[in-house]
Amino acid sequence: MEGKPSVGGETPSQLANQQWWVDKIKKEEAEKKAAEEKNKPAAGKGSAAAPARGGAASRGAAARGGRGAAAAGRGAPAARGGAAARGGAARGGAARGGPAARGGAAARGGAAGRGGAATGRGGAAAKPAAGGKAAAPAKQPAAAAKQPAAAAKSPEPAKEEEKPKDAKPVPSNAPLNKMSHLPRLGLARVLAREAKDSPEAHMLYNDVITMSPGLHDAYIELGELLVGSEPLKAVDVYAKFPFPEGESSFDDAYIHGEIVRLLMKNEKFDDPRLEKHMIAWGRVMGLGALEKYVDILDAKFKSQILMNVYAGVNNKKADDPDMQAFFKFKMWL
């Protein structure tokens, strides 16, 4: 995320797959859903009022239309077959008993008879002719039923890939995320717990030292990783710390003490860093912290280093009369 816009864009997969991020998204969705349900009843009551008042018009229209339709059906001239169905013109005609009235084709079996196609009691579809076939109309519904099945089998158009819900456009002037040493320090600590000789952990500690030179933890923790296998490299790491020119703090004193301890342990008595850090350590912790190492140097006849250290801790020069008297007492002169 470092160096990338801090606003908009898609969530990286490394972040989206983490459990804390998934829980955060679920919580936001639940809150949004609860807010929508809270506002939903108020909108429902207002929308249901309008159709209730206008329902009377639809009822009246249906009632009026229904009665009128029924009346029109009852009074239709061709409802029961028409005048020609009952007897046609032959019933009241001049030739009532004529051959055409009783047994004529027009009276019983003619086109105007009871089973006629045009003016019969049931209309054209009520009573079909004796020799007619009804197979053709019956096949039409079956053909119509096949059409939905064929439509259902038709392939659906391919759906476009859905974009992540949290994807937002990135503004052109969006600020970039700054580089931080804290994530690197945390990751280095985790890797160091798994394996002290992890090269990735060492690299991350060095990155932290570069990004934040005044952070004591990075120097101390990296030095502790190197003490067991390469103690002199640990001294090099400690010596990189930018110590202040004035008085040192207790955190500074810890690093001073580690440098002195490692140099003395490895008998690097002539290392120029030994004298410098013994003076700085003694100014913070007092001469009592140096007694052990003073005895070792005295046994090794390192009198010059001891005189410089004692003079430096007391903020005096080695040729100071008071210091010269003390050195004679210690038999360093």
Protein backbone atom coordinates (compact mmCIF):
# COMPACT_ATOMS: atom_id res chain seq x y z
CA MET A 1 0.00 0.00 0.00
CA GLU A 2 2.99 2.30 0.32
CA GLY A 3 3.30 4.77 -2.54
CA LYS A 4 -0.29 4.06 -3.67
CA PRO A 5 -3.29 6.44 -3.50
CA SER A 6 -4.86 6.57 -0.06
CA VAL A 7 -8.36 7.19 -1.52
CA GLY A 8 -10.35 4.96 -3.91
CA GLY A 9 -9.25 1.95 -5.90
CA GLU A 10 -9.76 -1.75 -5.25
CA THR A 11 -8.81 -3.41 -2.00
CA PRO A 12 -5.66 -5.52 -2.44
CA SER A 13 -6.20 -9.28 -2.16
CA GLN A 14 -3.62 -9.48 0.66
CA LEU A 15 -5.83 -7.17 2.71
CA ALA A 16 -9.26 -8.39 1.57
CA ASN A 17 -8.50 -11.99 2.60
CA GLN A 18 -7.57 -11.10 6.18
CA GLN A 19 -10.16 -11.98 8.81
CA TRP A 20 -10.24 -8.55 10.49
CA TRP A 21 -11.04 -6.92 7.14
CA VAL A 22 -13.81 -9.46 6.38
CA ASP A 23 -15.35 -8.81 9.82
CA LYS A 24 -15.17 -5.06 9.20
CA ILE A 25 -17.02 -5.36 5.86
CA LYS A 26 -19.72 -7.60 7.39
CA LYS A 27 -20.25 -5.14 10.23
CA GLU A 28 -20.67 -2.23 7.80
CA GLU A 29 -23.15 -4.20 5.67
CA ALA A 30 -25.17 -5.18 8.76
CA GLU A 31 -25.36 -1.54 9.91
CA LYS A 32 -26.43 -0.42 6.44
CA LYS A 33 -29.12 -3.10 6.26
CA ALA A 34 -30.45 -2.17 9.71
CA ALA A 35 -30.68 1.49 8.68
CA GLU A 36 -32.62 0.56 5.52
CA GLU A 37 -35.08 -1.63 7.45
CA LYS A 38 -35.61 1.15 9.97
CA ASN A 39 -36.66 3.61 7.23
CA LYS A 40 -38.68 1.06 5.22
CA PRO A 41 -42.00 1.00 7.28
CA ALA A 42 -42.52 4.78 6.99
CA ALA A 43 -42.30 4.63 3.20
CA GLY A 44 -44.65 1.58 3.02
CA LYS A 45 -47.52 3.27 4.93
CA GLY A 46 -47.58 6.27 2.63
CA SER A 47 -47.59 4.26 -0.59
CA ALA A 48 -50.43 1.94 0.50
CA ALA A 49 -52.92 4.80 1.09
CA ALA A 50 -53.41 5.89 -2.54
CA PRO A 51 -54.55 2.55 -4.01
CA ALA A 52 -57.03 2.03 -1.13
CA ARG A 53 -58.95 5.23 -1.96
CA GLY A 54 -59.05 4.63 -5.69
CA GLY A 55 -60.27 1.06 -5.40
CA ALA A 56 -63.92 2.14 -5.41
CA ALA A 57 -63.68 3.41 -8.95
CA SER A 58 -62.44 0.08 -10.20
CA ARG A 59 -65.19 -1.74 -8.35
CA GLY A 60 -67.87 0.50 -9.78
CA ALA A 61 -66.51 0.21 -13.26
CA ALA A 62 -66.45 -3.56 -13.03
CA ALA A 63 -69.99 -3.71 -11.62
CA ARG A 64 -71.42 -1.38 -14.19
CA GLY A 65 -69.63 -2.99 -17.05
CA GLY A 66 -70.63 -6.47 -15.87
CA ARG A 67 -74.33 -5.67 -15.65
CA GLY A 68 -74.39 -3.98 -18.99
CA ALA A 69 -72.55 -6.85 -20.58
CA ALA A 70 -75.01 -9.33 -19.14
CA ALA A 71 -77.95 -7.33 -20.43
CA ALA A 72 -76.49 -7.16 -23.85
CA GLY A 73 -75.97 -10.95 -23.80
CA ARG A 74 -79.53 -11.65 -22.79
CA GLY A 75 -81.09 -9.43 -25.40
CA ALA A 76 -78.89 -10.40 -28.31
CA PRO A 77 -80.95 -11.50 -31.31
CA ALA A 78 -78.70 -14.45 -32.10
CA ALA A 79 -78.28 -15.73 -28.53
CA ARG A 80 -80.52 -18.75 -28.88
CA GLY A 81 -80.15 -19.41 -32.49
CA GLY A 82 -82.16 -16.64 -34.13
CA ALA A 83 -85.51 -16.75 -35.85
CA ALA A 84 -84.32 -19.01 -38.57
CA ALA A 85 -83.30 -21.71 -36.05
CA ARG A 86 -86.80 -22.16 -34.63
CA GLY A 87 -88.52 -22.60 -37.88
CA GLY A 88 -87.40 -19.87 -40.15
CA ALA A 89 -89.82 -18.18 -42.49
CA ALA A 90 -91.68 -21.46 -43.09
CA ARG A 91 -93.35 -21.36 -39.61
CA GLY A 92 -95.58 -18.39 -40.36
CA GLY A 93 -95.38 -18.49 -44.09
CA ALA A 94 -98.17 -19.08 -46.67
CA ALA A 95 -97.06 -22.64 -47.48
CA ARG A 96 -97.11 -23.94 -43.88
CA GLY A 97 -97.82 -27.52 -44.78
CA GLY A 98 -95.79 -27.49 -47.96
CA PRO A 99 -93.17 -30.00 -48.68
CA ALA A 100 -90.48 -27.65 -47.72
CA ALA A 101 -91.98 -26.92 -44.28
CA ARG A 102 -91.81 -30.37 -42.68
CA GLY A 103 -89.37 -32.44 -44.56
CA GLY A 104 -87.50 -29.89 -46.59
CA ALA A 105 -83.81 -29.53 -46.40
CA ALA A 106 -84.12 -25.97 -45.17
CA ALA A 107 -86.37 -26.91 -42.22
CA ARG A 108 -84.38 -29.61 -40.41
CA GLY A 109 -81.09 -30.33 -42.02
CA GLY A 110 -80.58 -27.20 -44.09
CA ALA A 111 -78.21 -24.39 -43.58
CA ALA A 112 -80.77 -22.57 -41.42
CA GLY A 113 -81.64 -25.65 -39.28
CA ARG A 114 -80.88 -26.35 -35.65
CA GLY A 115 -77.32 -27.49 -36.34
CA GLY A 116 -76.55 -24.79 -38.90
CA ALA A 117 -73.17 -23.25 -38.87
CA ALA A 118 -74.33 -19.65 -39.08
CA THR A 119 -77.52 -19.35 -36.97
CA GLY A 120 -77.60 -22.49 -34.79
CA ARG A 121 -78.24 -22.45 -31.02
CA GLY A 122 -74.62 -22.80 -30.09
CA GLY A 123 -73.19 -20.72 -32.91
CA ALA A 124 -70.53 -21.98 -35.28
CA ALA A 125 -68.50 -23.79 -32.59
CA ALA A 126 -71.37 -25.11 -30.47
CA LYS A 127 -72.32 -28.17 -32.53
CA PRO A 128 -69.98 -28.98 -35.40
CA ALA A 129 -71.22 -30.88 -38.42
CA ALA A 130 -71.41 -34.67 -38.20
CA GLY A 131 -68.65 -35.20 -40.71
CA GLY A 132 -66.38 -32.43 -39.37
CA LYS A 133 -63.06 -33.05 -37.61
CA ALA A 134 -61.88 -31.18 -34.50
CA ALA A 135 -58.24 -32.30 -34.64
CA ALA A 136 -56.81 -29.11 -36.07
CA PRO A 137 -57.95 -26.78 -33.25
CA ALA A 138 -56.71 -29.29 -30.62
CA LYS A 139 -53.15 -29.27 -31.95
CA GLN A 140 -52.75 -25.53 -31.63
CA PRO A 141 -52.41 -25.47 -27.78
CA ALA A 142 -49.79 -28.25 -27.94
CA ALA A 143 -47.73 -26.27 -30.43
CA ALA A 144 -48.07 -23.18 -28.26
CA ALA A 145 -46.92 -25.16 -25.22
CA LYS A 146 -43.71 -26.18 -26.98
CA GLN A 147 -42.73 -22.56 -27.60
CA PRO A 148 -41.95 -21.71 -23.93
CA ALA A 149 -39.88 -24.89 -23.61
CA ALA A 150 -37.83 -23.95 -26.66
CA ALA A 151 -37.42 -20.44 -25.30
CA ALA A 152 -36.24 -21.82 -21.97
CA LYS A 153 -33.51 -23.88 -23.65
CA SER A 154 -32.10 -20.87 -25.49
CA PRO A 155 -28.66 -19.94 -24.11
CA GLU A 156 -28.54 -16.92 -21.83
CA PRO A 157 -26.19 -14.08 -22.69
CA ALA A 158 -22.89 -14.15 -20.81
CA LYS A 159 -22.89 -11.99 -17.71
CA GLU A 160 -20.24 -9.37 -17.28
CA GLU A 161 -17.80 -9.87 -14.45
CA GLU A 162 -18.95 -8.06 -11.38
CA LYS A 163 -16.53 -5.53 -10.00
CA PRO A 164 -15.77 -5.50 -6.27
CA LYS A 165 -18.36 -3.58 -4.27
CA ASP A 166 -15.74 -1.49 -2.51
CA ALA A 167 -14.01 -0.40 -5.72
CA LYS A 168 -14.10 3.38 -6.00
CA PRO A 169 -12.62 5.72 -8.58
CA VAL A 170 -9.22 7.10 -7.73
CA PRO A 171 -9.06 10.92 -7.79
CA SER A 172 -6.24 12.40 -9.81
CA ASN A 173 -5.05 14.46 -6.83
CA ALA A 174 -5.33 11.66 -4.24
CA PRO A 175 -2.51 11.74 -1.65
CA LEU A 176 -0.11 8.79 -1.65
CA ASN A 177 0.48 6.57 1.35
CA LYS A 178 3.76 7.39 3.04
CA MET A 179 6.41 4.82 3.76
CA SER A 180 6.50 3.82 7.41
CA HIS A 181 9.04 1.90 9.48
CA LEU A 182 6.49 0.52 11.96
CA PRO A 183 5.06 -2.25 9.72
CA ARG A 184 8.60 -3.35 8.85
CA LEU A 185 9.58 -3.43 12.51
CA GLY A 186 6.55 -5.55 13.41
CA LEU A 187 7.19 -7.98 10.57
CA ALA A 188 10.88 -8.22 11.48
CA ARG A 189 9.96 -9.13 15.06
CA VAL A 190 7.62 -11.89 13.88
CA LEU A 191 10.25 -13.36 11.55
CA ALA A 192 12.92 -13.12 14.26
CA ARG A 193 10.81 -15.20 16.64
CA GLU A 194 10.56 -17.95 14.04
CA ALA A 195 14.27 -17.97 13.16
CA LYS A 196 17.04 -15.73 14.53
CA ASP A 197 19.16 -16.20 11.43
CA SER A 198 16.37 -15.14 9.07
CA PRO A 199 17.98 -12.95 6.37
CA GLU A 200 14.63 -11.29 5.70
CA ALA A 201 14.37 -10.20 9.35
CA HIS A 202 17.89 -8.73 9.21
CA MET A 203 17.02 -6.89 6.02
CA LEU A 204 13.86 -5.43 7.54
CA TYR A 205 15.74 -4.27 10.66
CA ASN A 206 18.29 -2.54 8.45
CA ASP A 207 15.44 -0.86 6.54
CA VAL A 208 14.00 0.39 9.84
CA ILE A 209 17.41 1.75 10.86
CA THR A 210 17.66 3.60 7.54
CA MET A 211 14.12 5.00 7.76
CA SER A 212 14.24 5.87 11.47
CA PRO A 213 17.87 6.26 12.58
CA GLY A 214 17.00 7.31 16.13
CA LEU A 215 14.90 4.25 17.02
CA HIS A 216 16.75 2.29 19.73
CA ASP A 217 14.66 -0.88 19.37
CA ALA A 218 15.85 -1.64 15.86
CA TYR A 219 19.54 -1.51 16.86
CA ILE A 220 19.05 -3.45 20.08
CA GLU A 221 16.91 -6.22 18.54
CA LEU A 222 19.13 -6.65 15.49
CA GLY A 223 22.20 -6.72 17.73
CA GLU A 224 20.63 -9.45 19.87
CA LEU A 225 20.10 -11.57 16.74
CA LEU A 226 23.77 -11.25 15.83
CA VAL A 227 25.35 -11.62 19.30
CA GLY A 228 25.30 -15.42 19.30
CA SER A 229 26.89 -15.99 15.88
CA GLU A 230 28.68 -12.74 15.00
CA PRO A 231 29.26 -10.55 18.08
CA LEU A 232 31.55 -8.09 16.32
CA LYS A 233 28.86 -7.45 13.69
CA ALA A 234 26.52 -6.69 16.56
CA VAL A 235 29.06 -4.09 17.74
CA ASP A 236 29.03 -2.58 14.26
CA VAL A 237 25.24 -2.34 14.40
CA TYR A 238 25.26 -0.70 17.84
CA ALA A 239 27.97 1.74 16.79
CA LYS A 240 25.76 3.03 13.92
CA PHE A 241 23.37 4.64 16.38
CA PRO A 242 23.51 8.46 16.15
CA PHE A 243 24.38 9.28 19.76
CA PRO A 244 23.79 12.89 20.85
CA GLU A 245 26.78 15.12 21.46
CA GLY A 246 25.59 16.15 24.92
CA GLU A 247 24.31 13.99 27.71
CA SER A 248 23.11 10.51 26.80
CA SER A 249 19.84 8.91 27.92
CA PHE A 250 19.41 5.56 29.66
CA ASP A 251 18.48 3.99 26.31
CA ASP A 252 21.70 5.34 24.88
CA ALA A 253 23.56 3.99 27.91
CA TYR A 254 22.26 0.49 27.21
CA ILE A 255 23.80 0.53 23.73
CA HIS A 256 27.06 1.96 25.13
CA GLY A 257 27.17 -0.83 27.68
CA GLU A 258 26.55 -3.54 25.06
CA ILE A 259 29.42 -2.24 22.93
CA VAL A 260 31.79 -2.25 25.91
CA ARG A 261 30.65 -5.71 27.03
CA LEU A 262 31.13 -7.31 23.59
CA LEU A 263 34.51 -5.68 22.95
CA MET A 264 35.82 -6.71 26.36
CA LYS A 265 34.44 -10.25 25.96
CA ASN A 266 36.25 -10.64 22.65
CA GLU A 267 39.40 -8.96 24.11
CA LYS A 268 39.38 -6.10 21.64
CA PHE A 269 41.22 -3.84 24.10
CA ASP A 270 42.87 -1.73 21.43
CA ASP A 271 39.66 -1.02 19.56
CA PRO A 272 39.24 2.80 19.49
CA ARG A 273 35.52 2.41 20.16
CA LEU A 274 36.15 0.87 23.58
CA GLU A 275 37.47 4.02 25.23
CA LYS A 276 34.77 6.25 23.70
CA HIS A 277 31.84 4.11 24.84
CA MET A 278 33.30 3.44 28.28
CA ILE A 279 33.39 7.19 28.88
CA ALA A 280 29.82 7.70 27.64
CA TRP A 281 28.54 4.75 29.66
CA GLY A 282 30.32 5.89 32.81
CA ARG A 283 28.86 9.41 32.56
CA VAL A 284 25.31 8.01 32.65
CA MET A 285 25.68 5.00 34.95
CA GLY A 286 28.64 6.13 37.06
CA LEU A 287 32.11 4.67 37.61
CA GLY A 288 30.61 1.75 39.52
CA ALA A 289 29.36 0.23 36.26
CA LEU A 290 32.96 0.21 34.94
CA GLU A 291 34.70 -1.47 37.92
CA LYS A 292 34.67 -4.95 36.39
CA TYR A 293 36.19 -3.81 33.13
CA VAL A 294 38.67 -1.48 34.86
CA ASP A 295 40.12 -4.46 36.73
CA ILE A 296 40.46 -6.43 33.50
CA LEU A 297 42.24 -3.56 31.72
CA ASP A 298 44.45 -2.97 34.75
CA ALA A 299 45.48 -6.61 34.66
CA LYS A 300 46.30 -6.24 30.98
CA PHE A 301 48.42 -3.11 31.72
CA LYS A 302 46.17 -0.84 29.66
CA SER A 303 46.99 2.17 31.85
CA GLN A 304 46.63 4.81 29.13
CA ILE A 305 43.08 3.72 28.31
CA LEU A 306 42.19 3.75 32.01
CA MET A 307 43.55 7.27 32.55
CA ASN A 308 41.63 8.59 29.53
CA VAL A 309 38.44 6.89 30.68
CA TYR A 310 38.63 8.25 34.24
CA ALA A 311 39.41 11.75 33.01
CA GLY A 312 36.57 11.62 30.45
CA VAL A 313 33.97 10.43 32.96
CA ASN A 314 34.91 13.36 35.24
CA ASN A 315 34.84 15.79 32.29
CA LYS A 316 38.51 16.63 32.78
CA LYS A 317 41.71 16.20 30.84
CA ALA A 318 44.25 13.49 31.63
CA ASP A 319 46.97 16.08 32.50
CA ASP A 320 44.76 17.80 35.09
CA PRO A 321 46.66 18.05 38.43
CA ASP A 322 43.88 16.34 40.38
CA MET A 323 43.72 13.51 37.87
CA GLN A 324 47.51 13.15 37.87
CA ALA A 325 47.50 12.66 41.63
CA PHE A 326 44.82 10.00 41.30
CA PHE A 327 46.71 8.17 38.56
CA LYS A 328 49.84 8.08 40.74
CA PHE A 329 47.79 6.62 43.54
CA LYS A 330 46.52 3.92 41.15
CA MET A 331 50.10 3.43 39.95
CA TRP A 332 49.14 4.06 36.31
CA LEU A 333 51.98 6.55 35.86
